[in-house]
Amino acid sequence: MDRVRVVVVEDNQVFRETLELLLQLRADIDVVALVSTGDAAPAVCAELKPDVVLMDYRMPGLNGTQATEAVLREAPGVQVVCLTASVSKRETEQLLAAGAVACVMKDDDLEEIVRAIHRAAGRPTTA
């Protein structure tokens, strides 16, 4: 089975790099880019055409909702999963309305985050 190609959009460098390390240890996921701002995400996604974007919500510049809309304009077909430390019900609704397919929390178990990535990519979940 092909690996799920993932772009991580996260402004916290330590979290971004830790998540990359954890995901790269898996045989079923390939992190193709790390992006530190929502502003940079659309161009990266248009160029690399990942299967899934893990999108932080609270970032300088474009927030998760705005960045999701921009990514989907530039890279139609990409699936966006919001990954955040805290998001209100209203913010979750905005993200889903913008085109995100799921929202998971940063403190969720890694396997839950991986399941969300697989579901977004339309791949069977193994965990």
N, C-alpha and C. Protein backbone atom coordinates (compact mmCIF):
# COMPACT_ATOMS: atom_id res chain seq x y z
N MET A 1 0.84 -1.19 0.00
CA MET A 1 0.00 0.00 0.00
C MET A 1 0.88 1.25 0.00
N ASP A 2 0.47 2.22 -0.77
CA ASP A 2 1.20 3.48 -0.81
C ASP A 2 1.13 4.19 0.53
N ARG A 3 2.21 4.85 0.85
CA ARG A 3 2.24 5.65 2.08
C ARG A 3 1.37 6.89 1.90
N VAL A 4 0.74 7.33 2.98
CA VAL A 4 -0.05 8.55 2.95
C VAL A 4 0.92 9.73 3.01
N ARG A 5 0.84 10.61 2.03
CA ARG A 5 1.72 11.78 1.97
C ARG A 5 1.09 12.90 2.78
N VAL A 6 1.84 13.40 3.77
CA VAL A 6 1.31 14.37 4.72
C VAL A 6 2.17 15.63 4.75
N VAL A 7 1.50 16.78 4.78
CA VAL A 7 2.14 18.06 5.07
C VAL A 7 1.67 18.48 6.46
N VAL A 8 2.60 18.84 7.33
CA VAL A 8 2.29 19.31 8.67
C VAL A 8 2.41 20.84 8.69
N VAL A 9 1.32 21.52 9.05
CA VAL A 9 1.30 22.98 9.16
C VAL A 9 1.14 23.31 10.64
N GLU A 10 2.21 23.77 11.26
CA GLU A 10 2.25 23.97 12.71
C GLU A 10 3.29 25.03 13.03
N ASP A 11 2.90 26.05 13.81
CA ASP A 11 3.84 27.13 14.10
C ASP A 11 4.81 26.81 15.23
N ASN A 12 4.47 25.85 16.09
CA ASN A 12 5.37 25.49 17.20
C ASN A 12 6.43 24.52 16.69
N GLN A 13 7.68 25.00 16.62
CA GLN A 13 8.75 24.21 16.01
C GLN A 13 8.98 22.88 16.72
N VAL A 14 8.99 22.86 18.04
CA VAL A 14 9.24 21.62 18.78
C VAL A 14 8.14 20.61 18.50
N PHE A 15 6.89 21.05 18.56
CA PHE A 15 5.78 20.13 18.30
C PHE A 15 5.82 19.65 16.85
N ARG A 16 6.08 20.57 15.92
CA ARG A 16 6.13 20.23 14.49
C ARG A 16 7.18 19.16 14.23
N GLU A 17 8.37 19.35 14.77
CA GLU A 17 9.47 18.40 14.52
C GLU A 17 9.25 17.09 15.25
N THR A 18 8.66 17.14 16.44
CA THR A 18 8.37 15.91 17.18
C THR A 18 7.33 15.08 16.43
N LEU A 19 6.29 15.76 15.95
CA LEU A 19 5.26 15.05 15.21
C LEU A 19 5.85 14.43 13.94
N GLU A 20 6.71 15.16 13.27
CA GLU A 20 7.35 14.60 12.08
C GLU A 20 8.12 13.33 12.43
N LEU A 21 8.91 13.39 13.48
CA LEU A 21 9.69 12.20 13.89
C LEU A 21 8.78 11.01 14.17
N LEU A 22 7.71 11.24 14.92
CA LEU A 22 6.80 10.16 15.27
C LEU A 22 6.10 9.58 14.05
N LEU A 23 5.67 10.46 13.16
CA LEU A 23 4.98 9.97 11.96
C LEU A 23 5.93 9.27 11.00
N GLN A 24 7.17 9.76 10.90
CA GLN A 24 8.14 9.15 9.98
C GLN A 24 8.58 7.76 10.45
N LEU A 25 8.37 7.44 11.71
CA LEU A 25 8.69 6.10 12.20
C LEU A 25 7.71 5.06 11.68
N ARG A 26 6.60 5.51 11.15
CA ARG A 26 5.56 4.61 10.67
C ARG A 26 5.81 4.25 9.20
N ALA A 27 5.51 3.02 8.86
CA ALA A 27 5.72 2.57 7.48
C ALA A 27 4.63 3.07 6.54
N ASP A 28 3.52 3.58 7.10
CA ASP A 28 2.37 3.93 6.28
C ASP A 28 2.20 5.43 6.05
N ILE A 29 3.11 6.26 6.59
CA ILE A 29 3.00 7.72 6.45
C ILE A 29 4.33 8.30 6.00
N ASP A 30 4.25 9.24 5.07
CA ASP A 30 5.43 9.95 4.60
C ASP A 30 5.19 11.45 4.77
N VAL A 31 5.90 12.07 5.71
CA VAL A 31 5.79 13.52 5.89
C VAL A 31 6.61 14.17 4.79
N VAL A 32 5.93 14.84 3.86
CA VAL A 32 6.61 15.40 2.69
C VAL A 32 7.04 16.84 2.90
N ALA A 33 6.45 17.52 3.92
CA ALA A 33 6.87 18.90 4.20
C ALA A 33 6.39 19.32 5.57
N LEU A 34 7.18 20.22 6.17
CA LEU A 34 6.81 20.89 7.41
C LEU A 34 6.68 22.36 7.08
N VAL A 35 5.57 22.96 7.49
CA VAL A 35 5.29 24.36 7.20
C VAL A 35 4.98 25.05 8.51
N SER A 36 5.57 26.23 8.73
CA SER A 36 5.41 26.90 10.02
C SER A 36 4.30 27.94 10.05
N THR A 37 3.70 28.27 8.89
CA THR A 37 2.63 29.26 8.87
C THR A 37 1.52 28.84 7.92
N GLY A 38 0.32 29.31 8.23
CA GLY A 38 -0.79 29.07 7.33
C GLY A 38 -0.60 29.79 6.01
N ASP A 39 0.11 30.92 6.05
CA ASP A 39 0.35 31.70 4.83
C ASP A 39 1.15 30.90 3.80
N ALA A 40 2.09 30.07 4.28
CA ALA A 40 2.96 29.32 3.37
C ALA A 40 2.33 28.01 2.89
N ALA A 41 1.31 27.54 3.58
CA ALA A 41 0.74 26.23 3.30
C ALA A 41 0.16 26.07 1.88
N PRO A 42 -0.60 27.04 1.36
CA PRO A 42 -1.20 26.82 0.04
C PRO A 42 -0.19 26.54 -1.06
N ALA A 43 0.88 27.30 -1.13
CA ALA A 43 1.88 27.11 -2.19
C ALA A 43 2.58 25.75 -2.04
N VAL A 44 2.90 25.38 -0.81
CA VAL A 44 3.56 24.09 -0.58
C VAL A 44 2.64 22.95 -1.01
N CYS A 45 1.36 23.05 -0.65
CA CYS A 45 0.42 21.99 -1.00
C CYS A 45 0.15 21.94 -2.50
N ALA A 46 0.11 23.10 -3.15
CA ALA A 46 -0.08 23.13 -4.60
C ALA A 46 1.09 22.44 -5.31
N GLU A 47 2.30 22.64 -4.78
CA GLU A 47 3.49 22.05 -5.39
C GLU A 47 3.60 20.56 -5.11
N LEU A 48 3.40 20.15 -3.84
CA LEU A 48 3.66 18.77 -3.44
C LEU A 48 2.46 17.84 -3.55
N LYS A 49 1.25 18.40 -3.60
CA LYS A 49 0.02 17.62 -3.71
C LYS A 49 -0.02 16.45 -2.71
N PRO A 50 0.01 16.77 -1.41
CA PRO A 50 -0.08 15.71 -0.42
C PRO A 50 -1.47 15.10 -0.40
N ASP A 51 -1.59 13.95 0.25
CA ASP A 51 -2.92 13.35 0.45
C ASP A 51 -3.66 14.08 1.56
N VAL A 52 -2.91 14.41 2.63
CA VAL A 52 -3.51 14.99 3.83
C VAL A 52 -2.64 16.12 4.35
N VAL A 53 -3.30 17.17 4.84
CA VAL A 53 -2.63 18.26 5.53
C VAL A 53 -3.08 18.23 6.98
N LEU A 54 -2.12 18.15 7.90
CA LEU A 54 -2.41 18.31 9.32
C LEU A 54 -2.28 19.79 9.60
N MET A 55 -3.38 20.45 9.92
CA MET A 55 -3.44 21.90 10.01
C MET A 55 -3.66 22.36 11.45
N ASP A 56 -2.71 23.11 11.98
CA ASP A 56 -2.91 23.75 13.28
C ASP A 56 -4.00 24.79 13.14
N TYR A 57 -4.67 25.13 14.24
CA TYR A 57 -5.70 26.16 14.16
C TYR A 57 -5.14 27.54 14.48
N ARG A 58 -4.44 27.65 15.61
CA ARG A 58 -3.97 28.96 16.06
C ARG A 58 -2.54 29.18 15.59
N MET A 59 -2.42 30.07 14.59
CA MET A 59 -1.10 30.39 14.03
C MET A 59 -1.07 31.87 13.72
N PRO A 60 0.14 32.45 13.67
CA PRO A 60 0.24 33.84 13.20
C PRO A 60 -0.16 33.91 11.72
N GLY A 61 -0.68 35.04 11.30
CA GLY A 61 -1.13 35.16 9.91
C GLY A 61 -2.46 34.46 9.75
N LEU A 62 -2.58 33.65 8.71
CA LEU A 62 -3.82 32.92 8.49
C LEU A 62 -4.07 31.93 9.61
N ASN A 63 -5.30 31.89 10.13
CA ASN A 63 -5.62 30.87 11.12
C ASN A 63 -5.97 29.58 10.37
N GLY A 64 -6.30 28.54 11.11
CA GLY A 64 -6.57 27.24 10.49
C GLY A 64 -7.69 27.25 9.49
N THR A 65 -8.76 27.99 9.79
CA THR A 65 -9.89 28.07 8.87
C THR A 65 -9.48 28.76 7.58
N GLN A 66 -8.83 29.91 7.69
CA GLN A 66 -8.40 30.66 6.51
C GLN A 66 -7.38 29.86 5.69
N ALA A 67 -6.45 29.21 6.37
CA ALA A 67 -5.43 28.43 5.68
C ALA A 67 -6.05 27.21 5.00
N THR A 68 -7.05 26.59 5.63
CA THR A 68 -7.74 25.46 5.02
C THR A 68 -8.40 25.89 3.72
N GLU A 69 -9.12 27.00 3.76
CA GLU A 69 -9.77 27.51 2.55
C GLU A 69 -8.74 27.77 1.45
N ALA A 70 -7.62 28.39 1.82
CA ALA A 70 -6.59 28.72 0.84
C ALA A 70 -5.94 27.46 0.27
N VAL A 71 -5.66 26.49 1.11
CA VAL A 71 -5.06 25.23 0.65
C VAL A 71 -5.99 24.53 -0.33
N LEU A 72 -7.27 24.47 0.00
CA LEU A 72 -8.21 23.77 -0.87
C LEU A 72 -8.43 24.49 -2.19
N ARG A 73 -8.27 25.81 -2.20
CA ARG A 73 -8.33 26.56 -3.47
C ARG A 73 -7.12 26.22 -4.35
N GLU A 74 -5.95 26.14 -3.72
CA GLU A 74 -4.70 25.93 -4.47
C GLU A 74 -4.43 24.46 -4.79
N ALA A 75 -4.95 23.57 -3.95
CA ALA A 75 -4.67 22.14 -4.11
C ALA A 75 -5.96 21.34 -3.90
N PRO A 76 -6.90 21.45 -4.85
CA PRO A 76 -8.16 20.72 -4.71
C PRO A 76 -7.87 19.22 -4.57
N GLY A 77 -8.65 18.56 -3.75
CA GLY A 77 -8.46 17.12 -3.56
C GLY A 77 -7.64 16.78 -2.34
N VAL A 78 -6.91 17.74 -1.82
CA VAL A 78 -6.17 17.53 -0.57
C VAL A 78 -7.18 17.44 0.57
N GLN A 79 -6.95 16.56 1.49
CA GLN A 79 -7.82 16.43 2.66
C GLN A 79 -7.15 17.12 3.84
N VAL A 80 -7.91 17.94 4.56
CA VAL A 80 -7.35 18.69 5.69
C VAL A 80 -7.90 18.13 6.99
N VAL A 81 -6.98 17.80 7.90
CA VAL A 81 -7.33 17.39 9.25
C VAL A 81 -6.78 18.46 10.18
N CYS A 82 -7.65 19.08 10.95
CA CYS A 82 -7.22 20.09 11.91
C CYS A 82 -6.60 19.38 13.11
N LEU A 83 -5.47 19.88 13.54
CA LEU A 83 -4.77 19.36 14.72
C LEU A 83 -4.50 20.54 15.63
N THR A 84 -5.16 20.57 16.78
CA THR A 84 -5.08 21.76 17.61
C THR A 84 -5.03 21.42 19.09
N ALA A 85 -4.54 22.36 19.87
CA ALA A 85 -4.51 22.18 21.33
C ALA A 85 -5.87 22.51 21.94
N SER A 86 -6.53 23.51 21.36
CA SER A 86 -7.86 23.87 21.85
C SER A 86 -8.62 24.55 20.73
N VAL A 87 -9.85 24.16 20.59
CA VAL A 87 -10.70 24.76 19.57
C VAL A 87 -12.13 24.72 20.11
N SER A 88 -12.84 25.81 19.92
CA SER A 88 -14.22 25.87 20.40
C SER A 88 -15.14 25.15 19.42
N LYS A 89 -16.36 24.90 19.84
CA LYS A 89 -17.35 24.28 18.97
C LYS A 89 -17.56 25.15 17.73
N ARG A 90 -17.64 26.46 17.91
CA ARG A 90 -17.82 27.39 16.78
C ARG A 90 -16.64 27.30 15.82
N GLU A 91 -15.43 27.26 16.36
CA GLU A 91 -14.23 27.16 15.51
C GLU A 91 -14.21 25.83 14.77
N THR A 92 -14.61 24.75 15.44
CA THR A 92 -14.68 23.45 14.78
C THR A 92 -15.66 23.50 13.62
N GLU A 93 -16.82 24.11 13.86
CA GLU A 93 -17.82 24.24 12.80
C GLU A 93 -17.27 25.05 11.63
N GLN A 94 -16.52 26.12 11.93
CA GLN A 94 -15.92 26.94 10.87
C GLN A 94 -14.91 26.13 10.06
N LEU A 95 -14.09 25.33 10.76
CA LEU A 95 -13.10 24.50 10.07
C LEU A 95 -13.77 23.50 9.14
N LEU A 96 -14.81 22.84 9.64
CA LEU A 96 -15.50 21.86 8.82
C LEU A 96 -16.19 22.54 7.64
N ALA A 97 -16.78 23.72 7.86
CA ALA A 97 -17.41 24.47 6.78
C ALA A 97 -16.38 24.90 5.74
N ALA A 98 -15.14 25.16 6.18
CA ALA A 98 -14.07 25.56 5.26
C ALA A 98 -13.56 24.39 4.43
N GLY A 99 -13.90 23.17 4.85
CA GLY A 99 -13.49 22.00 4.08
C GLY A 99 -12.66 20.98 4.82
N ALA A 100 -12.32 21.24 6.09
CA ALA A 100 -11.60 20.23 6.87
C ALA A 100 -12.50 19.01 7.03
N VAL A 101 -11.91 17.83 7.05
CA VAL A 101 -12.70 16.60 7.15
C VAL A 101 -12.74 16.06 8.56
N ALA A 102 -11.87 16.57 9.44
CA ALA A 102 -11.83 16.09 10.83
C ALA A 102 -11.05 17.08 11.67
N CYS A 103 -11.24 16.97 12.98
CA CYS A 103 -10.48 17.79 13.91
C CYS A 103 -10.04 16.90 15.06
N VAL A 104 -8.73 16.82 15.29
CA VAL A 104 -8.19 16.04 16.40
C VAL A 104 -7.36 16.95 17.30
N MET A 105 -7.21 16.53 18.52
CA MET A 105 -6.50 17.34 19.51
C MET A 105 -5.04 16.92 19.58
N LYS A 106 -4.18 17.89 19.86
CA LYS A 106 -2.75 17.62 19.96
C LYS A 106 -2.42 16.63 21.08
N ASP A 107 -3.26 16.60 22.11
CA ASP A 107 -2.97 15.67 23.20
C ASP A 107 -3.66 14.32 23.03
N ASP A 108 -4.31 14.10 21.87
CA ASP A 108 -4.85 12.78 21.58
C ASP A 108 -3.70 11.79 21.42
N ASP A 109 -4.01 10.54 21.63
CA ASP A 109 -3.04 9.48 21.41
C ASP A 109 -2.57 9.52 19.95
N LEU A 110 -1.29 9.27 19.72
CA LEU A 110 -0.75 9.29 18.36
C LEU A 110 -1.56 8.40 17.43
N GLU A 111 -2.01 7.26 17.94
CA GLU A 111 -2.79 6.34 17.09
C GLU A 111 -4.10 6.97 16.64
N GLU A 112 -4.71 7.82 17.47
CA GLU A 112 -5.94 8.51 17.07
C GLU A 112 -5.64 9.51 15.95
N ILE A 113 -4.52 10.20 16.06
CA ILE A 113 -4.11 11.14 15.00
C ILE A 113 -3.86 10.37 13.70
N VAL A 114 -3.18 9.25 13.80
CA VAL A 114 -2.89 8.43 12.62
C VAL A 114 -4.19 7.91 12.00
N ARG A 115 -5.13 7.47 12.83
CA ARG A 115 -6.42 7.00 12.30
C ARG A 115 -7.12 8.13 11.53
N ALA A 116 -7.06 9.35 12.07
CA ALA A 116 -7.69 10.49 11.38
C ALA A 116 -7.02 10.73 10.03
N ILE A 117 -5.70 10.61 9.97
CA ILE A 117 -4.97 10.76 8.71
C ILE A 117 -5.43 9.69 7.72
N HIS A 118 -5.50 8.46 8.17
CA HIS A 118 -5.90 7.36 7.28
C HIS A 118 -7.34 7.53 6.79
N ARG A 119 -8.25 7.90 7.71
CA ARG A 119 -9.64 8.11 7.30
C ARG A 119 -9.72 9.23 6.26
N ALA A 120 -8.99 10.32 6.49
CA ALA A 120 -9.02 11.45 5.56
C ALA A 120 -8.50 11.03 4.18
N ALA A 121 -7.51 10.17 4.17
CA ALA A 121 -6.90 9.73 2.91
C ALA A 121 -7.70 8.60 2.26
N GLY A 122 -8.75 8.13 2.95
CA GLY A 122 -9.56 7.05 2.40
C GLY A 122 -8.87 5.71 2.44
N ARG A 123 -7.96 5.56 3.40
CA ARG A 123 -7.21 4.31 3.56
C ARG A 123 -7.75 3.54 4.75
N PRO A 124 -7.69 2.22 4.71
CA PRO A 124 -8.13 1.46 5.88
C PRO A 124 -7.22 1.76 7.08
N THR A 125 -7.83 1.79 8.23
CA THR A 125 -7.02 2.02 9.44
C THR A 125 -6.59 0.67 9.97
N THR A 126 -5.34 0.60 10.39
CA THR A 126 -4.80 -0.66 10.88
C THR A 126 -4.78 -0.69 12.40
N ALA A 127 -4.96 0.46 13.03
CA ALA A 127 -4.89 0.49 14.49
C ALA A 127 -6.28 0.69 15.06
